[in-house]
Amino acid sequence: MKATHITTVVAALACALSLPVQAGGDPIKGRDKTSMCAGCHGIPGWRTAYPATYHVPKLGGQHEEYLVAALKQYKSGERNHPSMKAIAASLTEEDMQNLAAYYASSYSGPSK
């Protein structure tokens, strides 16, 4: 009986640990912070010329966890893009969570 109980607890713990972690931000608060993002990420098909010419990624529909991780990497310097580094430096952890929640919930189709 005791072995069955331990097996059940271990199985339940394994299941709980395998669930994806949710970023848990507030998409309404995130929407209110998008003005700094929209200049580049809000224009379908936009290409930027600084620091190099490249296609600006569309954020709508992206996974929350990915967006939070990317913003943290820009803030820490792991990712190097001057504009994104400056923007991320101004964001709190809560801001990152909220922006990610907003963009994860706002997919409008593929870029044109």
Protein backbone atom coordinates (compact mmCIF):
# COMPACT_ATOMS: atom_id res chain seq x y z
CA MET A 1 0.00 0.00 0.00
CA LYS A 2 2.78 2.42 0.91
CA ALA A 3 4.64 1.76 -2.38
CA THR A 4 1.45 2.46 -4.35
CA HIS A 5 0.99 5.78 -2.53
CA ILE A 6 4.60 6.81 -3.25
CA THR A 7 4.23 5.82 -6.91
CA THR A 8 1.05 7.91 -7.18
CA VAL A 9 2.73 10.95 -5.61
CA VAL A 10 5.78 10.63 -7.88
CA ALA A 11 3.56 10.26 -10.97
CA ALA A 12 1.48 13.32 -9.99
CA LEU A 13 4.62 15.37 -9.40
CA ALA A 14 6.09 14.31 -12.76
CA CYS A 15 2.87 15.37 -14.52
CA ALA A 16 2.82 18.73 -12.75
CA LEU A 17 6.44 19.45 -13.65
CA SER A 18 5.86 18.61 -17.30
CA LEU A 19 3.15 21.25 -17.75
CA PRO A 20 4.23 24.38 -19.64
CA VAL A 21 4.90 27.42 -17.49
CA GLN A 22 2.59 30.29 -18.33
CA ALA A 23 4.01 33.78 -18.41
CA GLY A 24 0.82 35.03 -16.76
CA GLY A 25 0.78 38.64 -17.89
CA ASP A 26 -2.22 40.92 -18.31
CA PRO A 27 -2.96 41.50 -22.02
CA ILE A 28 -4.95 44.69 -21.29
CA LYS A 29 -1.99 46.26 -19.48
CA GLY A 30 0.28 44.97 -22.24
CA ARG A 31 -1.81 46.66 -24.93
CA ASP A 32 -1.32 49.95 -23.09
CA LYS A 33 2.48 49.59 -23.41
CA THR A 34 2.65 48.76 -27.14
CA SER A 35 3.35 52.29 -28.40
CA MET A 36 7.10 51.64 -28.21
CA CYS A 37 6.68 48.39 -30.22
CA ALA A 38 4.22 49.48 -32.90
CA GLY A 39 6.67 51.73 -34.75
CA CYS A 40 8.47 48.66 -36.11
CA HIS A 41 6.51 45.55 -35.18
CA GLY A 42 3.12 47.01 -36.05
CA ILE A 43 3.80 47.56 -39.75
CA PRO A 44 3.20 44.48 -41.94
CA GLY A 45 6.25 43.66 -44.05
CA TRP A 46 8.38 46.41 -42.47
CA ARG A 47 12.13 46.28 -42.97
CA THR A 48 14.52 48.31 -40.91
CA ALA A 49 17.89 49.68 -41.98
CA TYR A 50 19.51 50.02 -38.55
CA PRO A 51 21.85 48.45 -37.62
CA ALA A 52 21.35 46.27 -40.72
CA THR A 53 18.56 45.71 -43.22
CA TYR A 54 16.30 42.89 -42.07
CA HIS A 55 12.65 41.97 -41.86
CA VAL A 56 11.13 43.02 -38.53
CA PRO A 57 9.37 40.02 -36.94
CA LYS A 58 5.64 40.07 -36.38
CA LEU A 59 4.84 39.63 -32.68
CA GLY A 60 1.11 38.84 -32.76
CA GLY A 61 0.46 35.18 -32.04
CA GLN A 62 3.99 34.48 -30.79
CA HIS A 63 4.31 32.34 -27.65
CA GLU A 64 4.29 34.30 -24.38
CA GLU A 65 7.24 32.42 -22.94
CA TYR A 66 9.34 33.10 -26.04
CA LEU A 67 8.58 36.83 -25.99
CA VAL A 68 9.43 37.16 -22.29
CA ALA A 69 12.67 35.22 -22.78
CA ALA A 70 13.64 37.38 -25.78
CA LEU A 71 12.99 40.63 -23.89
CA LYS A 72 15.05 39.39 -20.95
CA GLN A 73 17.88 38.48 -23.34
CA TYR A 74 17.82 41.96 -24.89
CA LYS A 75 17.85 43.52 -21.42
CA SER A 76 20.77 41.36 -20.25
CA GLY A 77 22.74 41.86 -23.47
CA GLU A 78 22.55 38.21 -24.58
CA ARG A 79 20.78 39.48 -27.70
CA ASN A 80 22.33 42.47 -29.35
CA HIS A 81 20.16 44.97 -31.15
CA PRO A 82 20.59 48.62 -30.11
CA SER A 83 16.92 49.65 -30.30
CA MET A 84 15.59 46.50 -28.66
CA LYS A 85 18.26 46.62 -25.96
CA ALA A 86 17.27 50.20 -25.07
CA ILE A 87 13.56 49.39 -25.04
CA ALA A 88 14.00 46.23 -22.97
CA ALA A 89 16.18 48.12 -20.48
CA SER A 90 13.18 50.32 -19.67
CA LEU A 91 10.83 47.39 -19.04
CA THR A 92 10.07 45.79 -15.71
CA GLU A 93 9.47 42.04 -15.38
CA GLU A 94 5.73 42.81 -15.15
CA ASP A 95 5.87 44.95 -18.32
CA MET A 96 7.51 42.05 -20.18
CA GLN A 97 4.87 39.60 -18.95
CA ASN A 98 2.05 41.97 -19.93
CA LEU A 99 3.42 42.73 -23.40
CA ALA A 100 3.95 39.03 -24.04
CA ALA A 101 0.37 38.25 -22.95
CA TYR A 102 -0.97 40.92 -25.29
CA TYR A 103 1.02 39.85 -28.33
CA ALA A 104 0.36 36.16 -27.71
CA SER A 105 -3.36 36.90 -27.84
CA SER A 106 -3.32 39.20 -30.88
CA TYR A 107 -2.54 37.10 -33.94
CA SER A 108 -4.02 38.62 -37.09
CA GLY A 109 -2.65 36.32 -39.78
CA PRO A 110 0.66 36.08 -41.62
CA SER A 111 2.62 39.18 -42.59
CA LYS A 112 1.95 40.46 -46.07
